[in-house]
Amino acid sequence: YRAATGEELVQVLGRMAPRTERPVLVEEMLQGTEHSFETITVKGTPRAFSFSDYLPGCLEVLEHPWMQWVCRLPREVNRPTYERAKVAGIAAIRALGLDDGMTHMEWFARPDGSIAIGEIAQRPPGPQLCQMTGLVNDVDIYRSWARAVVDGAFDAPWNRRFAAATAWLRGVGRGRVTGTRGVAQAHHLLSPHLIEARLPTIGAKKNDGYEGDGYLVLRHQRTETVTALIRSAIETLKVEYA
């Protein structure tokens, strides 16, 4: 249950009737812009790091079925908000005793400027985000991850040379995928910078999650260009259902 007011909280607790033998978990519904923070960590010390922006946040996408979810990795990682998240993330890694491997943290930049960590774990992020981390730093991210886990070492030439973004394709409607409009136009627009794409499968049942029914991955030297291209892509491609 999500309670937006004190009155709603009282109503929810009344329905759930918590007691000693039946406890309930209550947590803050975090507000703000959502991001991630990834590291390659060796012996508890982050040796390389990366940031991403969720546009918009996952929960907001789930609440609005017409929204397309985009994850962007900007080329510039020296923003003050990122620095605060980096400090919080490194402290969390040390507090939890995370050791050799990749770490993935999802965090919120609150309206008051503070940072709140939603989750952190010693694991790589989801497939396209992991892929993009390698793309923007021009490294084999899977080799870097394996070197940290197996050998306790980091030797990748980590260098943020690019920006990247992934759009997960979603459409309005129910049922099964009947087609995707705008494919030729999108290919013409994106092809020089398109790294990978998976179009929705005709006949497949609609996926109600924020990752939708397909995706496309872009890379460019400029963050502004990646942002403009990914926006054009989600405005051009339209998934249809019946």
Protein backbone atom coordinates (compact mmCIF):
# COMPACT_ATOMS: atom_id res chain seq x y z
CA TYR A 1 0.00 0.00 0.00
CA ARG A 2 1.06 3.56 -0.65
CA ALA A 3 -0.16 6.18 1.84
CA ALA A 4 0.21 9.81 0.83
CA THR A 5 -1.39 11.31 3.95
CA GLY A 6 -1.69 10.53 7.64
CA GLU A 7 -5.37 9.67 7.15
CA GLU A 8 -4.52 7.14 4.41
CA LEU A 9 -1.85 5.61 6.67
CA VAL A 10 -4.41 5.11 9.46
CA GLN A 11 -6.81 3.47 6.99
CA VAL A 12 -4.13 1.12 5.63
CA LEU A 13 -2.97 0.11 9.09
CA GLY A 14 -6.58 -0.52 10.04
CA ARG A 15 -7.01 -2.91 7.12
CA MET A 16 -3.70 -4.68 7.76
CA ALA A 17 -4.24 -4.94 11.54
CA PRO A 18 -0.56 -5.28 12.52
CA ARG A 19 0.19 -7.20 15.69
CA THR A 20 3.13 -8.95 17.33
CA GLU A 21 2.73 -12.16 15.36
CA ARG A 22 1.90 -10.27 12.13
CA PRO A 23 4.27 -7.30 11.77
CA VAL A 24 4.22 -4.92 8.81
CA LEU A 25 7.04 -3.01 7.15
CA VAL A 26 6.69 0.77 6.79
CA GLU A 27 9.19 2.79 4.79
CA GLU A 28 9.44 6.27 3.36
CA MET A 29 8.25 6.79 -0.20
CA LEU A 30 11.31 8.54 -1.58
CA GLN A 31 10.73 11.65 -3.66
CA GLY A 32 13.10 13.37 -6.09
CA THR A 33 15.04 12.54 -9.24
CA GLU A 34 16.28 8.95 -9.43
CA HIS A 35 19.81 7.92 -10.41
CA SER A 36 22.29 5.07 -10.07
CA PHE A 37 25.92 4.82 -8.96
CA GLU A 38 28.09 1.92 -10.09
CA THR A 39 31.61 0.97 -9.03
CA ILE A 40 34.31 -1.57 -9.67
CA THR A 41 35.43 -2.31 -6.12
CA VAL A 42 38.57 -4.20 -5.08
CA LYS A 43 39.24 -5.10 -1.44
CA GLY A 44 36.46 -2.76 -0.34
CA THR A 45 37.87 0.27 -2.19
CA PRO A 46 36.07 1.62 -5.29
CA ARG A 47 38.61 1.81 -8.11
CA ALA A 48 36.25 3.16 -10.78
CA PHE A 49 32.77 4.63 -10.74
CA SER A 50 29.90 5.61 -13.03
CA PHE A 51 26.61 7.51 -12.76
CA SER A 52 23.29 7.36 -14.56
CA ASP A 53 20.04 9.33 -14.64
CA TYR A 54 16.61 7.67 -14.68
CA LEU A 55 14.26 9.69 -16.88
CA PRO A 56 11.81 9.47 -15.18
CA GLY A 57 12.08 7.22 -12.13
CA CYS A 58 10.90 3.60 -12.32
CA LEU A 59 7.91 4.03 -10.01
CA GLU A 60 6.70 7.09 -11.92
CA VAL A 61 6.85 5.08 -15.15
CA LEU A 62 4.80 2.27 -13.61
CA GLU A 63 2.16 4.76 -12.46
CA HIS A 64 1.84 6.28 -15.97
CA PRO A 65 1.53 3.60 -18.70
CA TRP A 66 2.07 6.14 -21.49
CA MET A 67 5.59 6.97 -20.27
CA GLN A 68 8.72 5.50 -21.86
CA TRP A 69 11.54 4.76 -19.43
CA VAL A 70 14.98 6.12 -20.35
CA CYS A 71 18.29 5.59 -18.57
CA ARG A 72 21.03 8.05 -19.54
CA LEU A 73 24.72 7.96 -18.69
CA PRO A 74 26.05 11.51 -19.18
CA ARG A 75 29.63 12.06 -20.16
CA GLU A 76 30.06 14.65 -17.39
CA VAL A 77 30.35 13.09 -13.93
CA ASN A 78 31.68 16.05 -11.92
CA ARG A 79 28.31 17.48 -10.89
CA PRO A 80 27.92 18.51 -7.20
CA THR A 81 24.92 16.18 -6.77
CA TYR A 82 26.95 13.26 -8.11
CA GLU A 83 29.77 14.09 -5.70
CA ARG A 84 27.38 13.92 -2.74
CA ALA A 85 26.05 10.58 -4.01
CA LYS A 86 29.60 9.30 -4.44
CA VAL A 87 30.46 10.14 -0.84
CA ALA A 88 27.29 8.42 0.39
CA GLY A 89 27.87 5.41 -1.86
CA ILE A 90 31.47 4.86 -0.80
CA ALA A 91 30.42 5.13 2.86
CA ALA A 92 27.70 2.53 2.27
CA ILE A 93 30.14 0.16 0.55
CA ARG A 94 32.47 0.38 3.53
CA ALA A 95 29.68 0.06 6.10
CA LEU A 96 28.29 -3.07 4.42
CA GLY A 97 31.71 -4.61 3.88
CA LEU A 98 31.31 -5.02 0.12
CA ASP A 99 34.49 -6.50 -1.25
CA ASP A 100 35.55 -7.53 -4.80
CA GLY A 101 33.29 -6.93 -7.79
CA MET A 102 30.77 -4.46 -9.14
CA THR A 103 28.37 -2.53 -6.95
CA HIS A 104 25.08 -1.02 -8.04
CA MET A 105 23.33 1.70 -6.03
CA GLU A 106 20.03 3.42 -6.80
CA TRP A 107 19.63 6.81 -5.14
CA PHE A 108 17.43 9.89 -5.09
CA ALA A 109 18.35 13.56 -5.23
CA ARG A 110 15.68 15.09 -3.02
CA PRO A 111 14.17 18.54 -3.66
CA ASP A 112 16.01 19.93 -0.61
CA GLY A 113 19.39 18.90 -2.07
CA SER A 114 19.93 15.89 0.18
CA ILE A 115 20.76 12.36 -1.01
CA ALA A 116 18.79 9.21 -0.14
CA ILE A 117 19.94 5.70 -1.03
CA GLY A 118 17.15 3.42 -2.18
CA GLU A 119 19.26 0.27 -2.46
CA ILE A 120 22.84 -0.87 -2.87
CA ALA A 121 24.23 -4.34 -3.52
CA GLN A 122 27.39 -6.06 -4.70
CA ARG A 123 26.15 -6.95 -8.16
CA PRO A 124 26.20 -5.46 -11.64
CA PRO A 125 23.21 -3.39 -12.78
CA GLY A 126 20.65 -4.64 -15.27
CA PRO A 127 21.78 -5.71 -18.76
CA GLN A 128 21.62 -2.46 -20.74
CA LEU A 129 22.91 -0.34 -17.85
CA CYS A 130 25.87 -2.67 -17.46
CA GLN A 131 26.44 -2.53 -21.20
CA MET A 132 26.26 1.27 -21.23
CA THR A 133 28.75 1.53 -18.36
CA GLY A 134 31.26 -0.22 -20.59
CA LEU A 135 30.29 1.87 -23.63
CA VAL A 136 30.74 5.29 -22.03
CA ASN A 137 34.09 4.36 -20.49
CA ASP A 138 35.24 2.49 -23.61
CA VAL A 139 36.11 -0.66 -21.63
CA ASP A 140 35.12 -4.31 -21.61
CA ILE A 141 32.94 -4.06 -18.52
CA TYR A 142 32.51 -7.82 -18.20
CA ARG A 143 36.27 -8.39 -18.16
CA SER A 144 36.66 -5.62 -15.56
CA TRP A 145 33.98 -7.23 -13.40
CA ALA A 146 35.56 -10.68 -13.73
CA ARG A 147 39.05 -9.36 -12.93
CA ALA A 148 37.73 -7.80 -9.72
CA VAL A 149 35.84 -10.93 -8.63
CA VAL A 150 38.32 -13.62 -9.68
CA ASP A 151 41.68 -11.87 -9.34
CA GLY A 152 40.96 -9.06 -6.89
CA ALA A 153 42.45 -6.66 -9.43
CA PHE A 154 41.53 -3.63 -11.52
CA ASP A 155 43.52 -2.68 -14.61
CA ALA A 156 40.99 -1.25 -17.09
CA PRO A 157 41.83 2.06 -18.81
CA TRP A 158 38.67 3.71 -17.41
CA ASN A 159 38.04 6.94 -19.33
CA ARG A 160 34.65 8.63 -19.68
CA ARG A 161 34.77 9.42 -23.40
CA PHE A 162 31.10 9.06 -24.33
CA ALA A 163 27.51 9.50 -23.22
CA ALA A 164 24.91 6.77 -23.74
CA ALA A 165 21.22 6.17 -23.22
CA THR A 166 18.72 3.33 -23.44
CA ALA A 167 15.00 3.72 -24.08
CA TRP A 168 12.70 0.83 -23.20
CA LEU A 169 9.76 0.75 -25.60
CA ARG A 170 6.27 0.84 -24.12
CA GLY A 171 2.90 1.70 -25.56
CA VAL A 172 -0.62 2.52 -24.40
CA GLY A 173 -3.15 -0.30 -24.58
CA ARG A 174 -3.61 -3.91 -23.57
CA GLY A 175 -3.33 -7.33 -25.13
CA ARG A 176 -0.58 -8.46 -27.50
CA VAL A 177 1.89 -6.59 -29.68
CA THR A 178 0.53 -6.04 -33.19
CA GLY A 179 3.28 -3.80 -34.54
CA THR A 180 5.67 -0.88 -34.06
CA ARG A 181 5.17 2.29 -36.10
CA GLY A 182 8.01 4.59 -37.09
CA VAL A 183 10.77 1.98 -37.37
CA ALA A 184 12.15 3.19 -40.73
CA GLN A 185 12.14 6.83 -39.62
CA ALA A 186 13.85 5.98 -36.32
CA HIS A 187 16.50 3.89 -38.06
CA HIS A 188 17.29 6.73 -40.45
CA LEU A 189 17.55 9.17 -37.55
CA LEU A 190 19.58 6.99 -35.17
CA SER A 191 21.63 4.57 -37.27
CA PRO A 192 25.04 6.33 -36.98
CA HIS A 193 24.79 6.20 -33.18
CA LEU A 194 22.67 3.09 -32.62
CA ILE A 195 24.56 0.38 -30.72
CA GLU A 196 21.82 -2.20 -30.26
CA ALA A 197 18.06 -2.50 -30.66
CA ARG A 198 15.40 -5.07 -29.95
CA LEU A 199 11.97 -4.31 -31.35
CA PRO A 200 8.81 -5.64 -29.70
CA THR A 201 7.91 -9.18 -30.83
CA ILE A 202 4.70 -9.42 -32.84
CA GLY A 203 2.18 -11.51 -30.93
CA ALA A 204 3.93 -11.23 -27.58
CA LYS A 205 1.81 -10.39 -24.55
CA LYS A 206 2.33 -6.85 -23.33
CA ASN A 207 4.88 -6.50 -20.54
CA ASP A 208 3.42 -4.21 -17.87
CA GLY A 209 6.83 -3.54 -16.30
CA TYR A 210 8.88 -0.39 -16.82
CA GLU A 211 11.26 -2.25 -19.17
CA GLY A 212 8.47 -2.59 -21.72
CA ASP A 213 8.60 -4.79 -24.83
CA GLY A 214 11.84 -3.74 -26.51
CA TYR A 215 14.74 -1.32 -26.25
CA LEU A 216 17.37 0.64 -28.11
CA VAL A 217 20.85 1.74 -26.99
CA LEU A 218 22.59 4.90 -28.26
CA ARG A 219 26.07 6.35 -27.79
CA HIS A 220 27.59 9.71 -28.72
CA GLN A 221 30.43 11.94 -27.55
CA ARG A 222 28.01 14.65 -26.39
CA THR A 223 25.41 14.22 -23.65
CA GLU A 224 23.14 16.82 -25.28
CA THR A 225 23.12 14.87 -28.54
CA VAL A 226 22.32 11.57 -26.85
CA THR A 227 19.48 13.26 -24.95
CA ALA A 228 18.01 14.77 -28.10
CA LEU A 229 18.31 11.52 -30.07
CA ILE A 230 16.71 9.36 -27.41
CA ARG A 231 13.85 11.85 -27.07
CA SER A 232 13.29 11.74 -30.84
CA ALA A 233 13.36 7.95 -30.75
CA ILE A 234 10.61 7.56 -28.16
CA GLU A 235 8.52 10.18 -29.96
CA THR A 236 8.92 8.34 -33.28
CA LEU A 237 8.49 4.68 -32.27
CA LYS A 238 4.96 3.71 -31.28
CA VAL A 239 4.17 0.21 -30.00
CA GLU A 240 0.65 -0.99 -30.86
CA TYR A 241 -1.44 -3.65 -29.09
CA ALA A 242 -4.71 -5.43 -29.67
